[in-house]
Amino acid sequence: MKKVFITGIEGFTGSYLANSFKAKGYQVYGSSKSAKSSKDVFTCDILDTNKLSKIIQKVGPNFVVHLAANAFVNTKDVNALYNVNLLGTNSLLQAVVSANVECNKILLVSSANIYGDSSESPIDENAPINLKNHYAASKRMMEMSAELFSSLPIVIARPFNYTGLGQDNKFLIPKVVEHFKSKSPVIELGNIDVYRDFSDVRDLVSSYVRLLESEADSGIFNFCSGKETSIKEVISILEDISQHKVEVKINPEFVRENEIKSLVGCENKLRAVIGDTSKHSLKETLEWMYLN
């Protein structure tokens, strides 16, 4: 039985990815800062390289997926972004080297946020890097530091926005969905005239698995739907689903400094390796979140 080790396994993406691997017959292991799920999930801080190395050596995974990250772009704890996203990644890669296991492939999850306000649309992997915030900087530095581990078979994912049932309400789409579920008359948001490329978390993790199982053992890949949707349009779709109208009030505190106006991706490179990736439309994803 093949084995996979997932950092941040108990997070939003990690739980879906674990189930996707299990459905394909993998033995799934992982780490979490405060593990609570099962005997196959180890309690370990991502910065504890020695403990990580011992865990990886014990598991002997065929694949390693690095999801442990500080993923909230608007966080005020800038130091945490670099500690987890940059130094945590270095800790993991050093742990894999020290464990001296035959790992077929390592997937590091970066972010499409590093493209910033790109003049290209849709954005492919060759688009210029345009860092607009510390979150993006921490992810780009993670990518660059991974180049120092040239002996490891590393592939890098740059996911655009994605969402799904169970995502924390501090993120935009779950927050909006929750207001519609509770029939709130008013919602306070930042700029709703921004455009994003939204994918379904179930499609995302399926693509992660397929990339790991593919022949590609290096490279950077966008993960996206290739479709551009404004926040205003998201609200309109939810009004149609819920048959409820909500008044949108713009709260200046929610308007990000250096807000990226448009971010839509091109997934041709990934599709050339694994085939078609999208199964769920945005409306289907929003219906799933609203009805459950």
Protein backbone atom coordinates (compact mmCIF):
# COMPACT_ATOMS: atom_id res chain seq x y z
CA MET A 1 0.00 0.00 0.00
CA LYS A 2 1.36 3.41 -0.97
CA LYS A 3 1.83 5.99 1.77
CA VAL A 4 1.45 9.77 1.84
CA PHE A 5 2.49 12.22 4.54
CA ILE A 6 0.60 15.53 4.72
CA THR A 7 1.63 18.49 6.87
CA GLY A 8 -1.34 20.52 8.09
CA ILE A 9 -3.55 17.48 7.55
CA GLU A 10 -6.25 18.66 9.94
CA GLY A 11 -6.75 21.98 8.18
CA PHE A 12 -9.44 22.77 5.61
CA THR A 13 -7.52 21.55 2.55
CA GLY A 14 -5.75 18.78 4.43
CA SER A 15 -8.93 17.02 5.47
CA TYR A 16 -10.22 16.92 1.88
CA LEU A 17 -6.84 15.83 0.53
CA ALA A 18 -6.59 13.03 3.09
CA ASN A 19 -10.01 11.70 2.06
CA SER A 20 -9.07 11.92 -1.62
CA PHE A 21 -5.96 9.81 -1.03
CA LYS A 22 -7.84 7.31 1.14
CA ALA A 23 -10.44 6.87 -1.61
CA LYS A 24 -7.61 5.74 -3.88
CA GLY A 25 -6.30 3.20 -1.39
CA TYR A 26 -3.40 5.12 0.16
CA GLN A 27 -2.29 4.83 3.77
CA VAL A 28 -2.51 8.44 4.91
CA TYR A 29 -0.35 9.99 7.62
CA GLY A 30 0.10 13.58 8.63
CA SER A 31 1.20 16.17 11.12
CA SER A 32 -0.61 18.94 12.94
CA LYS A 33 0.45 21.41 15.58
CA SER A 34 -2.14 19.90 17.91
CA ALA A 35 -3.22 16.58 16.42
CA LYS A 36 -6.62 15.26 17.41
CA SER A 37 -7.85 12.92 14.69
CA SER A 38 -6.17 9.51 14.86
CA LYS A 39 -3.06 7.48 15.52
CA ASP A 40 -1.88 8.28 12.00
CA VAL A 41 -1.72 12.03 12.71
CA PHE A 42 1.32 13.16 14.68
CA THR A 43 1.54 16.23 16.88
CA CYS A 44 4.47 18.25 15.59
CA ASP A 45 5.36 21.89 15.10
CA ILE A 46 6.47 22.44 11.51
CA LEU A 47 9.61 24.19 12.80
CA ASP A 48 10.71 21.11 14.80
CA THR A 49 12.99 19.63 12.14
CA ASN A 50 14.35 16.78 14.28
CA LYS A 51 10.91 15.51 15.28
CA LEU A 52 9.63 15.85 11.71
CA SER A 53 12.57 13.84 10.44
CA LYS A 54 11.89 11.01 12.89
CA ILE A 55 8.20 10.94 11.91
CA ILE A 56 8.98 10.86 8.18
CA GLN A 57 11.57 8.14 8.70
CA LYS A 58 9.00 6.08 10.63
CA VAL A 59 6.27 6.55 8.01
CA GLY A 60 8.45 6.08 4.92
CA PRO A 61 6.06 7.95 2.59
CA ASN A 62 5.94 7.65 -1.19
CA PHE A 63 4.64 11.22 -1.36
CA VAL A 64 4.91 14.26 0.91
CA VAL A 65 2.45 17.15 0.65
CA HIS A 66 3.21 20.39 2.46
CA LEU A 67 0.00 22.21 3.39
CA ALA A 68 0.96 23.62 6.80
CA ALA A 69 0.89 27.38 6.30
CA ASN A 70 -0.37 30.71 7.49
CA ALA A 71 -2.92 31.26 4.71
CA PHE A 72 -4.69 34.44 5.82
CA VAL A 73 -3.48 37.19 3.49
CA ASN A 74 -4.75 40.01 5.70
CA THR A 75 -3.11 38.80 8.92
CA LYS A 76 -1.46 41.41 11.11
CA ASP A 77 1.08 38.87 12.41
CA VAL A 78 3.67 39.32 9.66
CA ASN A 79 6.36 37.38 11.53
CA ALA A 80 4.12 34.31 11.62
CA LEU A 81 3.83 34.40 7.83
CA TYR A 82 7.57 34.04 7.37
CA ASN A 83 8.07 31.65 10.30
CA VAL A 84 5.52 29.17 8.98
CA ASN A 85 5.51 29.71 5.22
CA LEU A 86 9.25 30.14 4.68
CA LEU A 87 11.10 28.66 7.66
CA GLY A 88 8.53 25.89 8.08
CA THR A 89 9.06 24.76 4.49
CA ASN A 90 12.82 24.73 4.96
CA SER A 91 12.33 22.70 8.13
CA LEU A 92 10.24 20.10 6.30
CA LEU A 93 12.64 19.75 3.37
CA GLN A 94 15.60 19.41 5.70
CA ALA A 95 13.64 16.78 7.64
CA VAL A 96 13.07 14.77 4.43
CA VAL A 97 16.78 14.92 3.63
CA SER A 98 17.75 13.87 7.15
CA ALA A 99 15.20 11.02 7.18
CA ASN A 100 16.91 9.53 4.11
CA VAL A 101 13.73 7.90 2.76
CA GLU A 102 12.90 6.98 -0.83
CA CYS A 103 10.30 9.68 -1.44
CA ASN A 104 8.93 9.71 -4.99
CA LYS A 105 7.69 13.29 -4.96
CA ILE A 106 7.15 16.31 -2.70
CA LEU A 107 4.36 18.81 -3.37
CA LEU A 108 4.87 22.30 -1.94
CA VAL A 109 1.85 24.58 -1.99
CA SER A 110 2.64 28.19 -2.86
CA SER A 111 0.06 30.76 -4.02
CA ALA A 112 -1.07 32.61 -7.14
CA ASN A 113 -1.01 35.72 -4.95
CA ILE A 114 2.62 36.11 -5.97
CA TYR A 115 1.50 37.31 -9.44
CA GLY A 116 -0.08 40.41 -7.91
CA ASP A 117 -1.69 42.79 -10.40
CA SER A 118 -0.50 41.08 -13.54
CA SER A 119 -0.93 42.77 -16.92
CA GLU A 120 -1.47 39.29 -18.36
CA SER A 121 -4.87 37.62 -18.36
CA PRO A 122 -5.18 34.76 -17.94
CA ILE A 123 -1.95 34.36 -15.99
CA ASP A 124 0.34 31.44 -16.78
CA GLU A 125 3.39 30.23 -14.88
CA ASN A 126 5.74 32.47 -16.87
CA ALA A 127 3.99 35.68 -15.83
CA PRO A 128 6.18 38.19 -13.95
CA ILE A 129 6.21 38.02 -10.17
CA ASN A 130 4.62 41.12 -8.65
CA LEU A 131 4.55 40.93 -4.85
CA LYS A 132 1.85 43.07 -3.23
CA ASN A 133 1.79 41.81 0.36
CA HIS A 134 3.81 39.89 2.95
CA TYR A 135 1.79 36.72 2.37
CA ALA A 136 2.83 36.69 -1.29
CA ALA A 137 6.42 37.50 -0.34
CA SER A 138 6.56 34.62 2.13
CA LYS A 139 5.30 32.19 -0.52
CA ARG A 140 7.71 33.43 -3.18
CA MET A 141 10.61 33.14 -0.76
CA MET A 142 9.45 29.60 0.00
CA GLU A 143 9.64 28.74 -3.71
CA MET A 144 13.11 30.22 -4.02
CA SER A 145 14.43 28.45 -0.92
CA ALA A 146 13.18 25.11 -2.26
CA GLU A 147 15.69 25.49 -5.11
CA LEU A 148 18.42 24.85 -2.53
CA PHE A 149 17.13 21.27 -2.17
CA SER A 150 17.94 20.25 -5.74
CA SER A 151 18.37 16.58 -4.78
CA LEU A 152 14.68 16.29 -3.89
CA PRO A 153 11.87 15.67 -6.45
CA ILE A 154 9.86 18.83 -5.74
CA VAL A 155 6.80 20.10 -7.59
CA ILE A 156 5.24 23.43 -6.65
CA ALA A 157 1.54 24.30 -6.78
CA ARG A 158 0.30 27.86 -7.22
CA PRO A 159 -3.40 27.64 -6.40
CA PHE A 160 -5.67 30.56 -7.18
CA ASN A 161 -8.65 31.16 -4.88
CA TYR A 162 -10.60 28.07 -3.87
CA THR A 163 -13.35 27.39 -1.39
CA GLY A 164 -15.76 24.77 -0.09
CA LEU A 165 -17.78 23.48 2.82
CA GLY A 166 -15.87 23.81 6.09
CA GLN A 167 -13.61 26.72 5.15
CA ASP A 168 -13.17 29.23 7.97
CA ASN A 169 -15.58 32.16 7.91
CA LYS A 170 -12.68 34.60 8.12
CA PHE A 171 -12.28 33.92 4.39
CA LEU A 172 -14.50 35.84 2.02
CA ILE A 173 -16.70 33.22 0.35
CA PRO A 174 -17.63 31.33 3.56
CA LYS A 175 -18.38 34.67 5.23
CA VAL A 176 -20.75 35.68 2.44
CA VAL A 177 -22.41 32.24 2.35
CA GLU A 178 -22.97 32.33 6.11
CA HIS A 179 -24.74 35.70 5.85
CA PHE A 180 -27.12 34.23 3.30
CA LYS A 181 -27.69 31.07 5.34
CA SER A 182 -28.61 33.15 8.39
CA LYS A 183 -30.76 35.51 6.28
CA SER A 184 -28.78 38.51 7.49
CA PRO A 185 -30.18 41.78 6.12
CA VAL A 186 -26.75 43.44 5.85
CA ILE A 187 -23.18 42.35 5.18
CA GLU A 188 -20.05 44.48 5.53
CA LEU A 189 -17.36 43.82 2.94
CA GLY A 190 -14.34 45.46 1.36
CA ASN A 191 -14.10 46.13 -2.36
CA ILE A 192 -16.66 43.98 -4.21
CA ASP A 193 -15.50 45.11 -7.66
CA VAL A 194 -12.49 42.80 -7.63
CA TYR A 195 -12.27 39.71 -9.81
CA ARG A 196 -11.00 36.31 -8.73
CA ASP A 197 -10.60 32.81 -10.12
CA PHE A 198 -12.56 30.49 -7.81
CA SER A 199 -12.19 26.70 -7.72
CA ASP A 200 -13.84 23.99 -5.66
CA VAL A 201 -11.63 22.42 -2.96
CA ARG A 202 -12.74 18.96 -4.11
CA ASP A 203 -11.42 19.63 -7.61
CA LEU A 204 -8.22 21.10 -6.19
CA VAL A 205 -7.28 18.11 -4.05
CA SER A 206 -8.13 15.68 -6.84
CA SER A 207 -5.68 17.60 -9.05
CA TYR A 208 -3.02 17.48 -6.33
CA VAL A 209 -3.30 13.69 -6.18
CA ARG A 210 -3.16 13.34 -9.96
CA LEU A 211 -0.10 15.58 -10.22
CA LEU A 212 1.70 13.48 -7.61
CA GLU A 213 0.81 10.30 -9.49
CA SER A 214 1.94 11.79 -12.82
CA GLU A 215 5.36 11.55 -14.45
CA ALA A 216 6.22 15.16 -13.55
CA ASP A 217 8.89 15.23 -10.84
CA SER A 218 9.65 18.96 -10.94
CA GLY A 219 8.15 22.24 -12.07
CA ILE A 220 5.64 24.89 -11.04
CA PHE A 221 1.94 24.49 -11.85
CA ASN A 222 -1.06 26.82 -11.60
CA PHE A 223 -4.25 25.37 -10.11
CA CYS A 224 -7.31 27.34 -11.16
CA SER A 225 -10.60 27.32 -13.06
CA GLY A 226 -9.60 29.84 -15.71
CA LYS A 227 -12.84 31.77 -15.08
CA GLU A 228 -13.06 35.30 -13.70
CA THR A 229 -15.83 36.21 -11.23
CA SER A 230 -16.35 39.41 -9.26
CA ILE A 231 -17.42 39.42 -5.62
CA LYS A 232 -20.52 41.28 -6.77
CA GLU A 233 -21.35 38.32 -9.03
CA VAL A 234 -20.83 35.87 -6.15
CA ILE A 235 -23.41 37.80 -4.15
CA SER A 236 -25.81 37.73 -7.10
CA ILE A 237 -25.45 33.93 -7.46
CA LEU A 238 -26.17 33.46 -3.75
CA GLU A 239 -29.22 35.73 -3.97
CA ASP A 240 -30.53 33.44 -6.70
CA ILE A 241 -29.77 30.27 -4.71
CA SER A 242 -31.22 31.55 -1.43
CA GLN A 243 -33.99 33.77 -2.75
CA HIS A 244 -32.76 36.31 -0.22
CA LYS A 245 -31.48 39.85 -0.76
CA VAL A 246 -28.71 41.29 1.35
CA GLU A 247 -27.59 44.91 1.59
CA VAL A 248 -23.85 45.29 1.02
CA LYS A 249 -22.09 47.99 3.02
CA ILE A 250 -18.47 48.79 2.21
CA ASN A 251 -16.38 48.88 5.38
CA PRO A 252 -13.11 50.78 4.79
CA GLU A 253 -11.39 48.58 7.38
CA PHE A 254 -11.98 45.58 5.09
CA VAL A 255 -10.47 47.25 2.02
CA ARG A 256 -6.96 45.87 1.66
CA GLU A 257 -4.01 48.09 1.00
CA ASN A 258 -2.56 47.26 -2.44
CA GLU A 259 -5.71 45.27 -3.31
CA ILE A 260 -5.24 43.09 -6.40
CA LYS A 261 -7.96 44.09 -8.88
CA SER A 262 -8.02 40.96 -11.01
CA LEU A 263 -6.48 37.50 -10.62
CA VAL A 264 -7.44 34.79 -13.11
CA GLY A 265 -5.25 31.89 -14.09
CA CYS A 266 -4.29 29.68 -17.01
CA GLU A 267 -4.05 25.96 -16.21
CA ASN A 268 -2.84 24.69 -19.59
CA LYS A 269 0.48 23.46 -18.22
CA LEU A 270 -1.20 21.35 -15.53
CA ARG A 271 -3.84 19.99 -17.89
CA ALA A 272 -1.14 18.88 -20.31
CA VAL A 273 0.15 16.63 -17.52
CA ILE A 274 -3.01 15.38 -15.78
CA GLY A 275 -5.92 16.17 -18.11
CA ASP A 276 -9.14 18.04 -17.30
CA THR A 277 -9.35 19.38 -13.74
CA SER A 278 -12.68 21.14 -13.14
CA LYS A 279 -15.83 19.21 -12.26
CA HIS A 280 -17.82 21.76 -10.27
CA SER A 281 -19.05 25.16 -11.42
CA LEU A 282 -18.92 28.05 -8.96
CA LYS A 283 -22.71 27.94 -8.64
CA GLU A 284 -22.54 24.23 -7.75
CA THR A 285 -19.88 24.95 -5.13
CA LEU A 286 -21.92 27.78 -3.60
CA GLU A 287 -25.07 25.59 -3.57
CA TRP A 288 -23.11 22.85 -1.76
CA MET A 289 -21.91 25.34 0.85
CA TYR A 290 -25.30 26.99 1.26
CA LEU A 291 -27.36 23.79 1.58
CA ASN A 292 -25.07 21.96 4.03
